[in-house]
């Protein structure tokens, strides 16, 4: 009797082991399929970005700078997708490619061309807003301009999103005033004053200096209520672009596989905030 009981126990244990193994194998196959799908989706956009980068040539400062930024994102996305081992890492590569395509749209606009089809929104982009009017402010002994359109005075484009946890509206600027924070991962003293001076009262950008310092907006035109923002209303839980505070892109320190390097982070070192 004891022998029969022992045999039954062995059979039950073996059955449980087989079920666990089968379940684990099926889960692994699902994960592998999800990763393959995510990588294929990212590669589709990366290849599209690469085709645009290699096909276009800038003719003025605005289009040349936008294409340089697009090329930078293409390099980053290509590196990220090659090193991606999780769906999240593949999604970050896709986000880099989408950002690059926004720069391509900006370059095409500066060249007087059709910007092309609409793109998926970048994480944090809609809540950051966009420049809706020309604005020139005096800050730290220099003039900084913002505009909804490219010009010789505003050749630096940003697609909109959050940098180091703070909103930067989409638009064209006289200088990339957000890049010191992009490199350092934190905003310097006076950044809130610059933000307030540049965007105070501008429709489409509902942020004041205090909200900028806190990393969120109040009364933004998209209709996001404060409770939604406090609850993590940004798409994907993160932010878009290069060293940004993005769900993981901090796109923050996370899952870039070493591929998101902005040319060593040297932007001339001339932006002392």
C-alpha atoms as a PDB file:
ATOM      1  CA  UNK A   1       0.000   0.000   0.000  1.00  0.00           C
ATOM      2  CA  UNK A   2       2.800   2.336   0.890  1.00  0.00           C
ATOM      3  CA  UNK A   3       4.451   1.509  -2.424  1.00  0.00           C
ATOM      4  CA  UNK A   4       1.312   2.477  -4.343  1.00  0.00           C
ATOM      5  CA  UNK A   5       1.042   5.735  -2.391  1.00  0.00           C
ATOM      6  CA  UNK A   6       4.669   6.552  -3.153  1.00  0.00           C
ATOM      7  CA  UNK A   7       4.099   5.905  -6.839  1.00  0.00           C
ATOM      8  CA  UNK A   8       1.059   8.221  -6.796  1.00  0.00           C
ATOM      9  CA  UNK A   9       3.065  10.958  -5.102  1.00  0.00           C
ATOM     10  CA  UNK A  10       5.819  10.625  -7.702  1.00  0.00           C
ATOM     11  CA  UNK A  11       3.259  10.795 -10.510  1.00  0.00           C
ATOM     12  CA  UNK A  12       1.628  13.927  -9.014  1.00  0.00           C
ATOM     13  CA  UNK A  13       4.985  15.655  -8.531  1.00  0.00           C
ATOM     14  CA  UNK A  14       6.013  14.759 -12.074  1.00  0.00           C
ATOM     15  CA  UNK A  15       2.732  16.083 -13.438  1.00  0.00           C
ATOM     16  CA  UNK A  16       3.150  19.341 -11.558  1.00  0.00           C
ATOM     17  CA  UNK A  17       6.720  19.657 -12.835  1.00  0.00           C
ATOM     18  CA  UNK A  18       5.613  19.049 -16.416  1.00  0.00           C
ATOM     19  CA  UNK A  19       2.804  21.636 -16.056  1.00  0.00           C
ATOM     20  CA  UNK A  20       5.185  24.237 -14.627  1.00  0.00           C
ATOM     21  CA  UNK A  21       7.715  23.575 -17.390  1.00  0.00           C
ATOM     22  CA  UNK A  22       5.040  23.802 -20.095  1.00  0.00           C
ATOM     23  CA  UNK A  23       3.685  27.032 -18.618  1.00  0.00           C
ATOM     24  CA  UNK A  24       7.183  28.529 -18.346  1.00  0.00           C
ATOM     25  CA  UNK A  25       7.993  27.535 -21.909  1.00  0.00           C
ATOM     26  CA  UNK A  26       4.742  29.019 -23.205  1.00  0.00           C
ATOM     27  CA  UNK A  27       5.400  32.239 -21.261  1.00  0.00           C
ATOM     28  CA  UNK A  28       8.915  32.418 -22.672  1.00  0.00           C
ATOM     29  CA  UNK A  29       7.584  31.955 -26.170  1.00  0.00           C
ATOM     30  CA  UNK A  30       5.008  34.721 -25.632  1.00  0.00           C
ATOM     31  CA  UNK A  31       7.696  37.044 -24.285  1.00  0.00           C
ATOM     32  CA  UNK A  32       9.965  36.241 -27.201  1.00  0.00           C
ATOM     33  CA  UNK A  33       7.134  36.915 -29.646  1.00  0.00           C
ATOM     34  CA  UNK A  34       6.286  40.216 -27.921  1.00  0.00           C
ATOM     35  CA  UNK A  35       9.928  41.289 -28.055  1.00  0.00           C
ATOM     36  CA  UNK A  36      10.185  40.323 -31.714  1.00  0.00           C
ATOM     37  CA  UNK A  37       7.047  42.337 -32.512  1.00  0.00           C
ATOM     38  CA  UNK A  38       8.290  45.354 -30.537  1.00  0.00           C
ATOM     39  CA  UNK A  39      11.681  45.252 -32.255  1.00  0.00           C
ATOM     40  CA  UNK A  40      10.075  44.926 -35.682  1.00  0.00           C
ATOM     41  CA  UNK A  41       7.835  47.918 -34.933  1.00  0.00           C
ATOM     42  CA  UNK A  42      10.835  49.978 -33.814  1.00  0.00           C
ATOM     43  CA  UNK A  43      12.965  48.933 -36.799  1.00  0.00           C
ATOM     44  CA  UNK A  44      10.205  50.002 -39.193  1.00  0.00           C
ATOM     45  CA  UNK A  45      10.407  53.556 -37.868  1.00  0.00           C
ATOM     46  CA  UNK A  46      14.192  53.514 -37.593  1.00  0.00           C
ATOM     47  CA  UNK A  47      14.486  52.525 -41.257  1.00  0.00           C
ATOM     48  CA  UNK A  48      12.014  55.237 -42.195  1.00  0.00           C
ATOM     49  CA  UNK A  49      14.043  57.767 -40.238  1.00  0.00           C
ATOM     50  CA  UNK A  50      17.286  56.640 -41.834  1.00  0.00           C
ATOM     51  CA  UNK A  51      15.818  56.970 -45.325  1.00  0.00           C
ATOM     52  CA  UNK A  52      14.772  60.553 -44.611  1.00  0.00           C
ATOM     53  CA  UNK A  53      18.072  61.506 -42.996  1.00  0.00           C
ATOM     54  CA  UNK A  54      20.081  60.246 -45.947  1.00  0.00           C
ATOM     55  CA  UNK A  55      17.719  61.661 -48.577  1.00  0.00           C
ATOM     56  CA  UNK A  56      17.497  65.248 -47.318  1.00  0.00           C
ATOM     57  CA  UNK A  57      20.072  68.030 -47.320  1.00  0.00           C
ATOM     58  CA  UNK A  58      19.755  71.261 -45.366  1.00  0.00           C
ATOM     59  CA  UNK A  59      19.999  74.605 -47.113  1.00  0.00           C
ATOM     60  CA  UNK A  60      19.831  76.954 -44.122  1.00  0.00           C
ATOM     61  CA  UNK A  61      20.675  76.899 -40.431  1.00  0.00           C
ATOM     62  CA  UNK A  62      17.220  75.706 -39.379  1.00  0.00           C
ATOM     63  CA  UNK A  63      17.016  72.747 -41.761  1.00  0.00           C
ATOM     64  CA  UNK A  64      20.666  71.796 -41.211  1.00  0.00           C
ATOM     65  CA  UNK A  65      20.284  71.790 -37.423  1.00  0.00           C
ATOM     66  CA  UNK A  66      17.032  69.825 -37.564  1.00  0.00           C
ATOM     67  CA  UNK A  67      18.623  67.210 -39.814  1.00  0.00           C
ATOM     68  CA  UNK A  68      21.657  67.011 -37.545  1.00  0.00           C
ATOM     69  CA  UNK A  69      19.339  66.316 -34.602  1.00  0.00           C
ATOM     70  CA  UNK A  70      17.432  63.755 -36.677  1.00  0.00           C
ATOM     71  CA  UNK A  71      20.685  62.013 -37.572  1.00  0.00           C
ATOM     72  CA  UNK A  72      21.679  61.981 -33.913  1.00  0.00           C
ATOM     73  CA  UNK A  73      18.423  60.275 -32.969  1.00  0.00           C
ATOM     74  CA  UNK A  74      18.841  57.776 -35.829  1.00  0.00           C
ATOM     75  CA  UNK A  75      22.261  56.789 -34.484  1.00  0.00           C
ATOM     76  CA  UNK A  76      20.878  56.466 -30.954  1.00  0.00           C
ATOM     77  CA  UNK A  77      17.828  54.451 -32.027  1.00  0.00           C
ATOM     78  CA  UNK A  78      19.932  52.098 -34.157  1.00  0.00           C
ATOM     79  CA  UNK A  79      22.230  51.384 -31.229  1.00  0.00           C
ATOM     80  CA  UNK A  80      19.356  50.957 -28.794  1.00  0.00           C
ATOM     81  CA  UNK A  81      17.462  48.437 -30.944  1.00  0.00           C
ATOM     82  CA  UNK A  82      20.563  46.334 -31.480  1.00  0.00           C
ATOM     83  CA  UNK A  83      21.056  46.055 -27.718  1.00  0.00           C
ATOM     84  CA  UNK A  84      17.375  45.721 -26.789  1.00  0.00           C
ATOM     85  CA  UNK A  85      16.585  42.561 -24.841  1.00  0.00           C
ATOM     86  CA  UNK A  86      13.204  43.617 -23.421  1.00  0.00           C
ATOM     87  CA  UNK A  87      10.013  45.079 -24.839  1.00  0.00           C
ATOM     88  CA  UNK A  88      10.647  48.247 -22.813  1.00  0.00           C
ATOM     89  CA  UNK A  89      14.076  48.731 -24.372  1.00  0.00           C
ATOM     90  CA  UNK A  90      12.613  48.221 -27.855  1.00  0.00           C
ATOM     91  CA  UNK A  91       9.944  50.810 -27.025  1.00  0.00           C
ATOM     92  CA  UNK A  92      12.645  53.312 -26.039  1.00  0.00           C
ATOM     93  CA  UNK A  93      14.377  52.738 -29.379  1.00  0.00           C
ATOM     94  CA  UNK A  94      11.066  53.378 -31.112  1.00  0.00           C
ATOM     95  CA  UNK A  95      10.632  56.575 -29.090  1.00  0.00           C
ATOM     96  CA  UNK A  96      14.064  57.763 -30.255  1.00  0.00           C
ATOM     97  CA  UNK A  97      13.088  57.061 -33.861  1.00  0.00           C
ATOM     98  CA  UNK A  98       9.808  58.952 -33.503  1.00  0.00           C
ATOM     99  CA  UNK A  99      11.663  61.907 -32.031  1.00  0.00           C
ATOM    100  CA  UNK A 100      14.032  61.802 -34.981  1.00  0.00           C
ATOM    101  CA  UNK A 101      11.087  61.830 -37.370  1.00  0.00           C
ATOM    102  CA  UNK A 102       9.787  64.972 -35.671  1.00  0.00           C
ATOM    103  CA  UNK A 103      13.106  66.605 -36.448  1.00  0.00           C
ATOM    104  CA  UNK A 104      12.743  65.421 -40.047  1.00  0.00           C
ATOM    105  CA  UNK A 105       9.306  67.056 -40.199  1.00  0.00           C
ATOM    106  CA  UNK A 106      10.866  70.238 -38.849  1.00  0.00           C
ATOM    107  CA  UNK A 107      13.609  70.118 -41.472  1.00  0.00           C
ATOM    108  CA  UNK A 108      11.093  69.574 -44.260  1.00  0.00           C
ATOM    109  CA  UNK A 109       9.071  72.529 -42.972  1.00  0.00           C
ATOM    110  CA  UNK A 110      12.179  74.717 -42.949  1.00  0.00           C
ATOM    111  CA  UNK A 111      12.917  73.589 -46.516  1.00  0.00           C
ATOM    112  CA  UNK A 112       9.433  74.599 -47.636  1.00  0.00           C
ATOM    113  CA  UNK A 113       8.394  70.974 -48.208  1.00  0.00           C
ATOM    114  CA  UNK A 114       5.333  69.047 -47.092  1.00  0.00           C
ATOM    115  CA  UNK A 115       6.252  67.848 -43.593  1.00  0.00           C
ATOM    116  CA  UNK A 116       4.782  64.421 -44.262  1.00  0.00           C
ATOM    117  CA  UNK A 117       2.294  62.276 -42.340  1.00  0.00           C
ATOM    118  CA  UNK A 118       1.407  62.876 -38.717  1.00  0.00           C
ATOM    119  CA  UNK A 119       3.397  60.968 -36.120  1.00  0.00           C
ATOM    120  CA  UNK A 120       2.629  59.276 -32.850  1.00  0.00           C
ATOM    121  CA  UNK A 121       2.869  61.623 -29.896  1.00  0.00           C
ATOM    122  CA  UNK A 122       6.049  61.520 -27.870  1.00  0.00           C
ATOM    123  CA  UNK A 123       5.729  60.845 -24.171  1.00  0.00           C
ATOM    124  CA  UNK A 124       5.136  64.131 -22.359  1.00  0.00           C
ATOM    125  CA  UNK A 125       4.680  66.044 -25.617  1.00  0.00           C
ATOM    126  CA  UNK A 126       1.030  66.954 -25.367  1.00  0.00           C
ATOM    127  CA  UNK A 127       1.309  68.137 -21.794  1.00  0.00           C
ATOM    128  CA  UNK A 128       4.330  70.304 -22.671  1.00  0.00           C
ATOM    129  CA  UNK A 129       2.390  72.298 -25.246  1.00  0.00           C
ATOM    130  CA  UNK A 130       3.756  74.342 -28.122  1.00  0.00           C
ATOM    131  CA  UNK A 131       4.977  77.843 -28.903  1.00  0.00           C
ATOM    132  CA  UNK A 132       2.106  79.773 -30.477  1.00  0.00           C
ATOM    133  CA  UNK A 133       3.571  83.244 -30.941  1.00  0.00           C
ATOM    134  CA  UNK A 134       6.887  84.984 -31.479  1.00  0.00           C
ATOM    135  CA  UNK A 135       8.497  85.911 -28.201  1.00  0.00           C
ATOM    136  CA  UNK A 136      11.816  87.617 -27.425  1.00  0.00           C
ATOM    137  CA  UNK A 137      13.118  87.994 -23.878  1.00  0.00           C
ATOM    138  CA  UNK A 138      16.224  89.391 -22.274  1.00  0.00           C
ATOM    139  CA  UNK A 139      17.874  86.881 -19.978  1.00  0.00           C
ATOM    140  CA  UNK A 140      21.305  86.797 -18.385  1.00  0.00           C
ATOM    141  CA  UNK A 141      22.644  89.485 -20.708  1.00  0.00           C
ATOM    142  CA  UNK A 142      21.432  87.923 -23.945  1.00  0.00           C
ATOM    143  CA  UNK A 143      18.273  87.797 -26.027  1.00  0.00           C
ATOM    144  CA  UNK A 144      16.468  84.464 -26.340  1.00  0.00           C
ATOM    145  CA  UNK A 145      13.702  84.041 -28.894  1.00  0.00           C
ATOM    146  CA  UNK A 146      10.923  81.529 -29.414  1.00  0.00           C
ATOM    147  CA  UNK A 147       8.700  81.124 -32.463  1.00  0.00           C
ATOM    148  CA  UNK A 148       6.210  78.654 -33.921  1.00  0.00           C
ATOM    149  CA  UNK A 149       8.067  78.836 -37.249  1.00  0.00           C
ATOM    150  CA  UNK A 150      11.719  78.556 -38.307  1.00  0.00           C
ATOM    151  CA  UNK A 151      13.687  81.669 -39.157  1.00  0.00           C
ATOM    152  CA  UNK A 152      17.322  82.802 -39.262  1.00  0.00           C
ATOM    153  CA  UNK A 153      16.824  84.030 -35.681  1.00  0.00           C
ATOM    154  CA  UNK A 154      15.188  80.795 -34.461  1.00  0.00           C
ATOM    155  CA  UNK A 155      16.971  77.852 -36.116  1.00  0.00           C
ATOM    156  CA  UNK A 156      16.827  75.397 -33.186  1.00  0.00           C
ATOM    157  CA  UNK A 157      13.815  73.095 -33.111  1.00  0.00           C
ATOM    158  CA  UNK A 158      12.467  71.049 -30.222  1.00  0.00           C
ATOM    159  CA  UNK A 159       9.518  68.639 -30.724  1.00  0.00           C
ATOM    160  CA  UNK A 160       8.119  69.159 -27.229  1.00  0.00           C
ATOM    161  CA  UNK A 161       8.352  67.017 -24.158  1.00  0.00           C
ATOM    162  CA  UNK A 162      10.008  67.086 -20.783  1.00  0.00           C
ATOM    163  CA  UNK A 163      13.682  67.486 -20.066  1.00  0.00           C
ATOM    164  CA  UNK A 164      14.910  66.462 -16.635  1.00  0.00           C
ATOM    165  CA  UNK A 165      11.296  66.379 -15.470  1.00  0.00           C
ATOM    166  CA  UNK A 166      10.378  69.865 -16.743  1.00  0.00           C
ATOM    167  CA  UNK A 167       8.178  70.757 -19.737  1.00  0.00           C
ATOM    168  CA  UNK A 168       9.758  72.255 -22.846  1.00  0.00           C
ATOM    169  CA  UNK A 169       7.151  73.339 -25.436  1.00  0.00           C
ATOM    170  CA  UNK A 170       7.520  72.379 -29.077  1.00  0.00           C
ATOM    171  CA  UNK A 171       8.807  75.205 -31.210  1.00  0.00           C
ATOM    172  CA  UNK A 172      11.758  76.981 -32.756  1.00  0.00           C
ATOM    173  CA  UNK A 173      14.281  78.780 -30.574  1.00  0.00           C
ATOM    174  CA  UNK A 174      17.241  81.085 -30.987  1.00  0.00           C
ATOM    175  CA  UNK A 175      19.328  78.705 -28.879  1.00  0.00           C
ATOM    176  CA  UNK A 176      18.787  75.251 -27.368  1.00  0.00           C
ATOM    177  CA  UNK A 177      18.264  76.571 -23.837  1.00  0.00           C
ATOM    178  CA  UNK A 178      17.079  73.149 -22.632  1.00  0.00           C
ATOM    179  CA  UNK A 179      20.262  71.249 -23.562  1.00  0.00           C
ATOM    180  CA  UNK A 180      22.290  71.970 -20.415  1.00  0.00           C
ATOM    181  CA  UNK A 181      19.553  70.200 -18.438  1.00  0.00           C
ATOM    182  CA  UNK A 182      19.452  67.447 -21.064  1.00  0.00           C
ATOM    183  CA  UNK A 183      23.156  66.798 -20.517  1.00  0.00           C
ATOM    184  CA  UNK A 184      23.303  67.340 -16.768  1.00  0.00           C
ATOM    185  CA  UNK A 185      19.941  65.755 -15.981  1.00  0.00           C
ATOM    186  CA  UNK A 186      18.953  68.732 -13.825  1.00  0.00           C
ATOM    187  CA  UNK A 187      17.981  72.366 -14.345  1.00  0.00           C
ATOM    188  CA  UNK A 188      20.206  75.156 -13.126  1.00  0.00           C
ATOM    189  CA  UNK A 189      19.404  78.198 -11.026  1.00  0.00           C
ATOM    190  CA  UNK A 190      17.332  80.724 -12.966  1.00  0.00           C
ATOM    191  CA  UNK A 191      15.738  78.223 -15.344  1.00  0.00           C
ATOM    192  CA  UNK A 192      12.257  78.888 -13.909  1.00  0.00           C
ATOM    193  CA  UNK A 193      12.751  82.636 -14.385  1.00  0.00           C
ATOM    194  CA  UNK A 194      13.728  82.067 -18.011  1.00  0.00           C
ATOM    195  CA  UNK A 195      10.730  79.818 -18.561  1.00  0.00           C
ATOM    196  CA  UNK A 196       8.368  82.312 -16.966  1.00  0.00           C
ATOM    197  CA  UNK A 197       9.763  85.242 -18.951  1.00  0.00           C
ATOM    198  CA  UNK A 198       9.570  83.353 -22.236  1.00  0.00           C
ATOM    199  CA  UNK A 199       6.151  81.724 -21.919  1.00  0.00           C
ATOM    200  CA  UNK A 200       4.136  83.827 -19.466  1.00  0.00           C
ATOM    201  CA  UNK A 201       0.681  84.477 -20.913  1.00  0.00           C
ATOM    202  CA  UNK A 202       1.297  82.454 -24.088  1.00  0.00           C
ATOM    203  CA  UNK A 203      -1.715  80.365 -25.119  1.00  0.00           C
ATOM    204  CA  UNK A 204      -0.978  76.690 -25.509  1.00  0.00           C
ATOM    205  CA  UNK A 205       1.651  76.779 -22.771  1.00  0.00           C
ATOM    206  CA  UNK A 206      -0.188  76.811 -19.455  1.00  0.00           C
ATOM    207  CA  UNK A 207       2.820  76.663 -17.155  1.00  0.00           C
ATOM    208  CA  UNK A 208       4.004  79.239 -14.687  1.00  0.00           C
ATOM    209  CA  UNK A 209       7.426  79.378 -13.068  1.00  0.00           C
ATOM    210  CA  UNK A 210       6.333  77.536  -9.922  1.00  0.00           C
ATOM    211  CA  UNK A 211       4.721  74.753 -11.931  1.00  0.00           C
ATOM    212  CA  UNK A 212       7.858  74.532 -14.061  1.00  0.00           C
ATOM    213  CA  UNK A 213       9.963  74.082 -10.946  1.00  0.00           C
ATOM    214  CA  UNK A 214       7.580  71.358  -9.753  1.00  0.00           C
ATOM    215  CA  UNK A 215       7.705  69.611 -13.095  1.00  0.00           C
ATOM    216  CA  UNK A 216       4.026  69.906 -14.048  1.00  0.00           C
ATOM    217  CA  UNK A 217       1.603  72.321 -15.639  1.00  0.00           C
ATOM    218  CA  UNK A 218      -1.608  73.858 -14.422  1.00  0.00           C
ATOM    219  CA  UNK A 219      -4.560  74.721 -16.655  1.00  0.00           C
ATOM    220  CA  UNK A 220      -2.966  73.443 -19.851  1.00  0.00           C
ATOM    221  CA  UNK A 221      -5.064  73.706 -22.994  1.00  0.00           C
ATOM    222  CA  UNK A 222      -5.209  69.936 -23.472  1.00  0.00           C
ATOM    223  CA  UNK A 223      -7.581  69.868 -20.508  1.00  0.00           C
ATOM    224  CA  UNK A 224      -5.448  67.835 -18.156  1.00  0.00           C
ATOM    225  CA  UNK A 225      -6.522  68.418 -14.593  1.00  0.00           C
ATOM    226  CA  UNK A 226      -3.985  68.627 -11.839  1.00  0.00           C
ATOM    227  CA  UNK A 227      -5.078  65.321 -10.377  1.00  0.00           C
ATOM    228  CA  UNK A 228      -4.388  63.599 -13.677  1.00  0.00           C
ATOM    229  CA  UNK A 229      -0.926  65.061 -13.873  1.00  0.00           C
ATOM    230  CA  UNK A 230      -0.150  64.124 -10.303  1.00  0.00           C
ATOM    231  CA  UNK A 231      -1.321  60.638 -11.135  1.00  0.00           C
ATOM    232  CA  UNK A 232       1.184  60.215 -13.925  1.00  0.00           C
ATOM    233  CA  UNK A 233      -0.759  61.436 -16.932  1.00  0.00           C
ATOM    234  CA  UNK A 234       2.205  61.402 -19.291  1.00  0.00           C
ATOM    235  CA  UNK A 235       2.057  58.779 -21.968  1.00  0.00           C
ATOM    236  CA  UNK A 236       4.041  55.734 -21.183  1.00  0.00           C
ATOM    237  CA  UNK A 237       4.812  56.991 -17.728  1.00  0.00           C
ATOM    238  CA  UNK A 238       7.820  58.740 -19.063  1.00  0.00           C
ATOM    239  CA  UNK A 239       9.226  61.514 -21.105  1.00  0.00           C
ATOM    240  CA  UNK A 240      10.525  61.749 -24.433  1.00  0.00           C
ATOM    241  CA  UNK A 241      14.007  62.109 -25.416  1.00  0.00           C
ATOM    242  CA  UNK A 242      17.603  61.806 -24.742  1.00  0.00           C
ATOM    243  CA  UNK A 243      18.308  61.796 -20.996  1.00  0.00           C
ATOM    244  CA  UNK A 244      14.890  62.915 -20.141  1.00  0.00           C
ATOM    245  CA  UNK A 245      13.002  61.829 -17.206  1.00  0.00           C
ATOM    246  CA  UNK A 246      11.186  59.056 -18.925  1.00  0.00           C
ATOM    247  CA  UNK A 247       9.704  56.203 -17.189  1.00  0.00           C
ATOM    248  CA  UNK A 248      12.677  54.069 -16.813  1.00  0.00           C
ATOM    249  CA  UNK A 249      14.137  57.965 -20.688  1.00  0.00           C
ATOM    250  CA  UNK A 250      15.123  58.394 -16.138  1.00  0.00           C
ATOM    251  CA  UNK A 251      14.705  57.919 -20.079  1.00  0.00           C
ATOM    252  CA  UNK A 252      16.694  58.546 -17.080  1.00  0.00           C
ATOM    253  CA  UNK A 253      19.621  56.422 -16.783  1.00  0.00           C
ATOM    254  CA  UNK A 254      17.638  53.531 -17.933  1.00  0.00           C
ATOM    255  CA  UNK A 255      17.672  51.027 -20.748  1.00  0.00           C
ATOM    256  CA  UNK A 256      19.525  53.047 -23.329  1.00  0.00           C
ATOM    257  CA  UNK A 257      22.169  50.458 -23.810  1.00  0.00           C
ATOM    258  CA  UNK A 258      24.738  53.178 -24.156  1.00  0.00           C
ATOM    259  CA  UNK A 259      23.181  54.244 -27.403  1.00  0.00           C
ATOM    260  CA  UNK A 260      21.647  57.543 -26.450  1.00  0.00           C
ATOM    261  CA  UNK A 261      24.839  59.536 -26.324  1.00  0.00           C
ATOM    262  CA  UNK A 262      24.443  63.045 -27.694  1.00  0.00           C
ATOM    263  CA  UNK A 263      27.898  63.294 -29.138  1.00  0.00           C
ATOM    264  CA  UNK A 264      29.587  63.234 -25.812  1.00  0.00           C
ATOM    265  CA  UNK A 265      27.199  65.793 -24.408  1.00  0.00           C
ATOM    266  CA  UNK A 266      29.224  68.758 -25.633  1.00  0.00           C
ATOM    267  CA  UNK A 267      26.917  71.553 -26.609  1.00  0.00           C
ATOM    268  CA  UNK A 268      29.408  74.322 -26.438  1.00  0.00           C
ATOM    269  CA  UNK A 269      29.122  74.751 -22.705  1.00  0.00           C
ATOM    270  CA  UNK A 270      27.763  78.225 -23.125  1.00  0.00           C
ATOM    271  CA  UNK A 271      24.446  78.015 -21.322  1.00  0.00           C
ATOM    272  CA  UNK A 272      24.954  79.053 -17.756  1.00  0.00           C
ATOM    273  CA  UNK A 273      21.644  78.936 -15.902  1.00  0.00           C
END
